[in-house]
Amino acid sequence: MFEHLGVALGLASLAGINLYLTTFVAGLAIRFNWIELASAHESLAVLGNEWVLAVAGTLMVVEFFADKVPWLDSGWDAVHTLLRPAGGVLLGMAALGDMDPKMLAIGGLLS
């Protein structure tokens, strides 16, 4: 039980700092078998999907460059003040197991 909570809180906390980097690195680790997912965390295997990696990687690069332009950085951070916690919640819920499809749909709308 505590190991599940640890994975969920770890992913959620990191996503609160940098959502796309967390998703991208976790996806790479899963895709290239740098880590072995326990059966309880098989729902995180979707992070290794090539589409998820492509979108997370692209947004990670966009965020890196957006951070260098003062007015763009402020706008990016304003929007992502809402998206980072929502993404963290979704990653945490995925780490804890099966998600209700309604929650997945709401998370997709928020992101």
Protein backbone atom coordinates (compact mmCIF):
# COMPACT_ATOMS: atom_id res chain seq x y z
CA MET A 1 0.00 0.00 0.00
CA PHE A 2 2.70 2.50 0.95
CA GLU A 3 4.77 1.71 -2.14
CA HIS A 4 1.76 2.59 -4.33
CA LEU A 5 1.28 5.81 -2.43
CA GLY A 6 4.98 6.60 -2.76
CA VAL A 7 4.94 6.19 -6.52
CA ALA A 8 1.75 8.23 -6.82
CA LEU A 9 2.99 11.06 -4.62
CA GLY A 10 6.40 11.07 -6.30
CA LEU A 11 4.96 11.39 -9.78
CA ALA A 12 2.38 13.95 -8.69
CA SER A 13 4.98 16.08 -6.90
CA LEU A 14 7.39 16.03 -9.83
CA ALA A 15 4.57 16.85 -12.25
CA GLY A 16 3.73 19.88 -10.12
CA ILE A 17 7.22 21.17 -10.80
CA ASN A 18 7.56 20.18 -14.47
CA LEU A 19 4.73 18.13 -15.93
CA TYR A 20 6.16 17.46 -19.37
CA LEU A 21 9.67 16.57 -18.22
CA THR A 22 8.24 14.16 -15.65
CA THR A 23 5.98 12.50 -18.21
CA PHE A 24 8.74 12.33 -20.82
CA VAL A 25 11.43 10.87 -18.54
CA ALA A 26 9.02 8.39 -16.93
CA GLY A 27 7.84 7.38 -20.42
CA LEU A 28 11.41 6.89 -21.64
CA ALA A 29 12.24 4.78 -18.60
CA ILE A 30 9.21 2.59 -19.25
CA ARG A 31 9.71 2.42 -23.04
CA PHE A 32 13.37 1.39 -22.87
CA ASN A 33 12.92 -0.87 -19.83
CA TRP A 34 15.15 1.21 -17.59
CA ILE A 35 12.62 0.39 -14.89
CA GLU A 36 10.40 -2.64 -14.56
CA LEU A 37 6.81 -1.87 -13.74
CA ALA A 38 5.24 -3.93 -11.00
CA SER A 39 1.93 -5.50 -11.95
CA ALA A 40 0.16 -2.95 -9.75
CA HIS A 41 1.62 -0.12 -11.86
CA GLU A 42 0.87 -1.52 -15.32
CA SER A 43 -1.49 1.40 -15.91
CA LEU A 44 1.60 3.62 -16.19
CA ALA A 45 2.77 1.67 -19.26
CA VAL A 46 0.84 4.13 -21.43
CA LEU A 47 3.54 6.71 -20.68
CA GLY A 48 5.89 4.66 -22.87
CA ASN A 49 3.61 5.02 -25.91
CA GLU A 50 5.34 6.79 -28.80
CA TRP A 51 2.55 9.36 -29.10
CA VAL A 52 2.71 10.21 -25.41
CA LEU A 53 6.50 10.52 -25.65
CA ALA A 54 6.25 12.69 -28.76
CA VAL A 55 3.71 15.09 -27.27
CA ALA A 56 5.47 15.28 -23.89
CA GLY A 57 8.86 15.76 -25.56
CA THR A 58 7.56 18.47 -27.86
CA LEU A 59 5.86 20.33 -25.03
CA MET A 60 8.97 19.97 -22.90
CA VAL A 61 11.05 21.69 -25.62
CA VAL A 62 8.38 24.39 -26.10
CA GLU A 63 8.34 25.00 -22.36
CA PHE A 64 12.15 25.27 -22.30
CA PHE A 65 12.12 28.00 -24.95
CA ALA A 66 8.99 29.72 -23.60
CA ASP A 67 10.84 30.11 -20.32
CA LYS A 68 13.41 32.35 -22.08
CA VAL A 69 10.93 34.99 -23.30
CA PRO A 70 9.65 37.18 -20.41
CA TRP A 71 6.07 37.82 -21.58
CA LEU A 72 5.65 34.31 -22.97
CA ASP A 73 7.00 32.81 -19.76
CA SER A 74 4.39 34.67 -17.71
CA GLY A 75 1.55 33.52 -19.95
CA TRP A 76 2.85 29.95 -20.04
CA ASP A 77 3.09 29.85 -16.25
CA ALA A 78 -0.38 31.36 -15.84
CA VAL A 79 -1.94 28.63 -17.96
CA HIS A 80 0.15 25.86 -16.43
CA THR A 81 -0.66 26.91 -12.89
CA LEU A 82 -3.89 25.00 -13.50
CA LEU A 83 -2.53 22.26 -15.77
CA ARG A 84 0.39 21.08 -13.63
CA PRO A 85 -1.72 20.10 -10.61
CA ALA A 86 -4.32 18.44 -12.86
CA GLY A 87 -1.58 16.48 -14.62
CA GLY A 88 -0.07 15.54 -11.27
CA VAL A 89 -3.41 14.25 -10.06
CA LEU A 90 -3.86 12.18 -13.22
CA LEU A 91 -0.36 10.69 -12.96
CA GLY A 92 -0.92 9.93 -9.29
CA MET A 93 -4.27 8.31 -9.97
CA ALA A 94 -2.77 6.26 -12.80
CA ALA A 95 -0.05 5.06 -10.42
CA LEU A 96 -2.66 3.96 -7.91
CA GLY A 97 -4.45 1.74 -10.42
CA ASP A 98 -7.52 1.79 -12.57
CA MET A 99 -9.05 5.18 -13.14
CA ASP A 100 -12.71 5.88 -13.59
CA PRO A 101 -13.28 6.75 -17.28
CA LYS A 102 -15.14 9.90 -16.21
CA MET A 103 -12.04 11.14 -14.37
CA LEU A 104 -9.87 10.35 -17.38
CA ALA A 105 -12.21 12.36 -19.62
CA ILE A 106 -12.24 15.31 -17.21
CA GLY A 107 -8.45 15.20 -17.03
CA GLY A 108 -8.23 15.19 -20.80
CA LEU A 109 -10.48 18.24 -20.98
CA LEU A 110 -8.37 20.08 -18.40
CA SER A 111 -5.15 19.31 -20.21
